[in-house]
Amino acid sequence: MMYGITGTPGTGKSVLGNILAKRGQVVVHLTDTVGPYVTGEDERRDARIIDVGRWAAEFVPVNGFVEGHFAHLLPCDRIVVLRCRPDVLSDRLAMRKYREEKIRENAEAEALDVCLVETVEAFEPDRIFELDTTEKSPGECAGLIEGFAAGRIPAGFGRLDFSAYLEGTP
């Protein structure tokens, strides 16, 4: 079975993927697979332009975890959407030296549930697990992901509302 881990940049995908790999899980970091599909650079948004349609169509499924911002575009058996409160997400991205405009863009996307909405549009509800990483340790989050993948933790989403951050009043 293929399990996806998706979310806005800064929610913890790579960190959790690394922990899962150290625990013996098969993990594919999707950033390692997109090279041949990069068609250019968007300097204004400080992002690579990727032919995600071709990439997703040609992606060879794995028996394990796939982590990355586009994991929800793959035919995963189950999918985890990592979430993080936008103010904390902004701090995480600032520590990574993201540009202010890019920080704002990602914090707004998180407040608007962009990754969650895209996931809900593509997957049945019983295959989606929304995980708030804001105040949980990486080890705890990895355990929850493993529990969901194993069927010990039920699917669930829609309980988080970060929209107040759009108005600057959490």
Protein backbone atom coordinates (compact mmCIF):
# COMPACT_ATOMS: atom_id res chain seq x y z
CA MET A 1 0.00 0.00 0.00
CA MET A 2 1.13 3.54 -0.71
CA TYR A 3 0.63 6.15 2.01
CA GLY A 4 0.95 9.84 1.22
CA ILE A 5 2.12 12.64 3.47
CA THR A 6 1.22 16.07 2.08
CA GLY A 7 0.94 19.60 3.41
CA THR A 8 2.02 23.18 3.05
CA PRO A 9 5.80 23.77 3.13
CA GLY A 10 6.94 23.91 6.76
CA THR A 11 4.33 21.56 8.22
CA GLY A 12 6.88 18.79 8.80
CA LYS A 13 6.73 16.46 5.80
CA SER A 14 10.47 15.95 5.35
CA VAL A 15 11.22 15.73 9.07
CA LEU A 16 8.51 13.11 9.54
CA GLY A 17 9.57 11.23 6.42
CA ASN A 18 13.11 11.03 7.81
CA ILE A 19 11.84 9.75 11.17
CA LEU A 20 9.68 7.12 9.47
CA ALA A 21 12.68 6.01 7.39
CA LYS A 22 14.81 5.71 10.54
CA ARG A 23 12.04 3.52 11.98
CA GLY A 24 12.46 1.16 9.04
CA GLN A 25 9.63 2.40 6.82
CA VAL A 26 10.10 2.77 3.07
CA VAL A 27 9.92 6.52 2.36
CA VAL A 28 10.21 8.29 -0.98
CA HIS A 29 10.89 12.02 -0.75
CA LEU A 30 9.01 13.38 -3.75
CA THR A 31 11.43 16.29 -4.21
CA ASP A 32 13.96 13.62 -5.25
CA THR A 33 11.67 12.47 -8.09
CA VAL A 34 10.65 15.70 -9.84
CA GLY A 35 13.97 16.65 -11.47
CA PRO A 36 13.10 15.41 -14.97
CA TYR A 37 9.75 17.24 -14.78
CA VAL A 38 11.09 20.72 -13.98
CA THR A 39 10.17 22.97 -16.88
CA GLY A 40 11.47 26.28 -15.50
CA GLU A 41 11.77 28.64 -12.58
CA ASP A 42 9.21 31.09 -11.24
CA GLU A 43 11.54 33.73 -9.82
CA ARG A 44 8.71 35.89 -8.49
CA ARG A 45 7.37 33.01 -6.38
CA ASP A 46 10.85 31.53 -5.75
CA ALA A 47 9.69 28.12 -6.97
CA ARG A 48 10.44 25.53 -9.62
CA ILE A 49 7.81 25.00 -12.30
CA ILE A 50 7.00 21.30 -12.48
CA ASP A 51 4.87 19.44 -14.98
CA VAL A 52 2.92 17.80 -12.15
CA GLY A 53 0.43 16.14 -14.48
CA ARG A 54 3.16 14.26 -16.34
CA TRP A 55 5.05 13.57 -13.10
CA ALA A 56 1.96 12.08 -11.40
CA ALA A 57 1.06 10.04 -14.50
CA GLU A 58 4.55 8.56 -14.72
CA PHE A 59 5.14 8.05 -10.98
CA VAL A 60 5.73 4.39 -10.14
CA PRO A 61 3.78 3.54 -6.96
CA VAL A 62 5.73 2.27 -3.95
CA ASN A 63 4.86 0.02 -1.06
CA GLY A 64 5.48 2.55 1.69
CA PHE A 65 5.29 6.29 2.27
CA VAL A 66 5.60 9.12 -0.22
CA GLU A 67 6.13 12.54 1.29
CA GLY A 68 5.94 15.87 -0.40
CA HIS A 69 3.80 18.82 -1.30
CA PHE A 70 2.32 16.92 -4.26
CA ALA A 71 1.67 13.57 -2.55
CA HIS A 72 -2.07 14.18 -2.75
CA LEU A 73 -1.81 14.08 -6.56
CA LEU A 74 -0.74 10.42 -6.45
CA PRO A 75 -3.04 7.38 -6.14
CA CYS A 76 -2.30 6.81 -2.46
CA ASP A 77 -4.28 4.23 -0.50
CA ARG A 78 -4.32 6.58 2.49
CA ILE A 79 -3.20 10.18 2.80
CA VAL A 80 -2.08 12.31 5.74
CA VAL A 81 -2.47 16.08 5.47
CA LEU A 82 -0.06 17.81 7.83
CA ARG A 83 -1.28 21.12 9.23
CA CYS A 84 0.36 23.87 11.28
CA ARG A 85 -1.00 27.08 12.76
CA PRO A 86 -0.04 29.86 10.31
CA ASP A 87 1.90 31.96 12.85
CA VAL A 88 4.05 28.96 13.79
CA LEU A 89 4.38 28.00 10.12
CA SER A 90 5.63 31.53 9.36
CA ASP A 91 8.28 31.19 12.08
CA ARG A 92 9.40 27.83 10.69
CA LEU A 93 9.71 29.22 7.17
CA ALA A 94 11.57 32.32 8.40
CA MET A 95 14.10 30.01 10.09
CA ARG A 96 14.61 28.43 6.65
CA LYS A 97 15.33 31.89 5.22
CA TYR A 98 12.21 31.98 3.03
CA ARG A 99 11.45 35.39 1.50
CA GLU A 100 8.74 37.38 3.30
CA GLU A 101 6.41 37.17 0.29
CA LYS A 102 6.83 33.37 0.15
CA ILE A 103 6.19 33.10 3.90
CA ARG A 104 2.99 35.11 3.56
CA GLU A 105 1.85 33.03 0.54
CA ASN A 106 2.33 29.75 2.43
CA ALA A 107 0.76 31.02 5.67
CA GLU A 108 -2.29 32.19 3.70
CA ALA A 109 -2.51 28.83 1.90
CA GLU A 110 -2.46 27.09 5.28
CA ALA A 111 -5.12 29.41 6.70
CA LEU A 112 -7.29 28.67 3.64
CA ASP A 113 -6.84 24.87 3.94
CA VAL A 114 -5.48 24.67 0.37
CA CYS A 115 -3.73 21.27 0.68
CA LEU A 116 -6.63 19.84 2.68
CA VAL A 117 -9.23 21.02 0.15
CA GLU A 118 -7.22 19.57 -2.75
CA THR A 119 -6.91 16.29 -0.86
CA VAL A 120 -10.62 16.14 0.01
CA GLU A 121 -11.44 16.71 -3.66
CA ALA A 122 -9.28 13.74 -4.67
CA PHE A 123 -9.83 11.13 -1.92
CA GLU A 124 -12.69 9.44 -0.13
CA PRO A 125 -13.10 10.71 3.47
CA ASP A 126 -12.17 7.34 5.00
CA ARG A 127 -8.70 7.62 3.42
CA ILE A 128 -7.77 11.08 4.84
CA PHE A 129 -6.14 11.89 8.17
CA GLU A 130 -5.55 15.56 9.05
CA LEU A 131 -2.71 15.97 11.57
CA ASP A 132 -1.96 19.23 13.37
CA THR A 133 1.81 19.32 13.93
CA THR A 134 1.80 22.71 15.67
CA GLU A 135 2.35 21.54 19.23
CA LYS A 136 3.19 17.86 18.79
CA SER A 137 6.70 16.45 18.77
CA PRO A 138 7.98 14.93 15.53
CA GLY A 139 8.13 11.52 17.23
CA GLU A 140 4.50 11.78 18.32
CA CYS A 141 3.43 12.83 14.81
CA ALA A 142 5.36 9.92 13.24
CA GLY A 143 3.62 7.52 15.61
CA LEU A 144 0.22 8.90 14.66
CA ILE A 145 1.04 8.54 10.97
CA GLU A 146 2.12 4.93 11.49
CA GLY A 147 -1.05 4.29 13.47
CA PHE A 148 -3.24 5.68 10.68
CA ALA A 149 -1.37 3.67 8.03
CA ALA A 150 -1.85 0.50 10.09
CA GLY A 151 -5.56 1.20 10.60
CA ARG A 152 -5.25 1.74 14.37
CA ILE A 153 -6.17 5.43 14.11
CA PRO A 154 -9.35 6.39 12.24
CA ALA A 155 -9.52 8.81 9.35
CA GLY A 156 -10.65 12.30 10.19
CA PHE A 157 -10.39 15.88 9.04
CA GLY A 158 -12.18 19.21 9.13
CA ARG A 159 -11.75 20.05 12.80
CA LEU A 160 -9.09 22.73 12.32
CA ASP A 161 -9.95 26.30 11.42
CA PHE A 162 -7.05 28.67 10.86
CA SER A 163 -9.09 31.25 8.92
CA ALA A 164 -8.85 33.84 11.70
CA TYR A 165 -5.16 34.20 10.82
CA LEU A 166 -6.19 35.82 7.56
CA GLU A 167 -7.48 38.76 9.57
CA GLY A 168 -4.51 38.76 11.93
CA THR A 169 -6.62 37.69 14.93
CA PRO A 170 -6.04 34.01 15.77
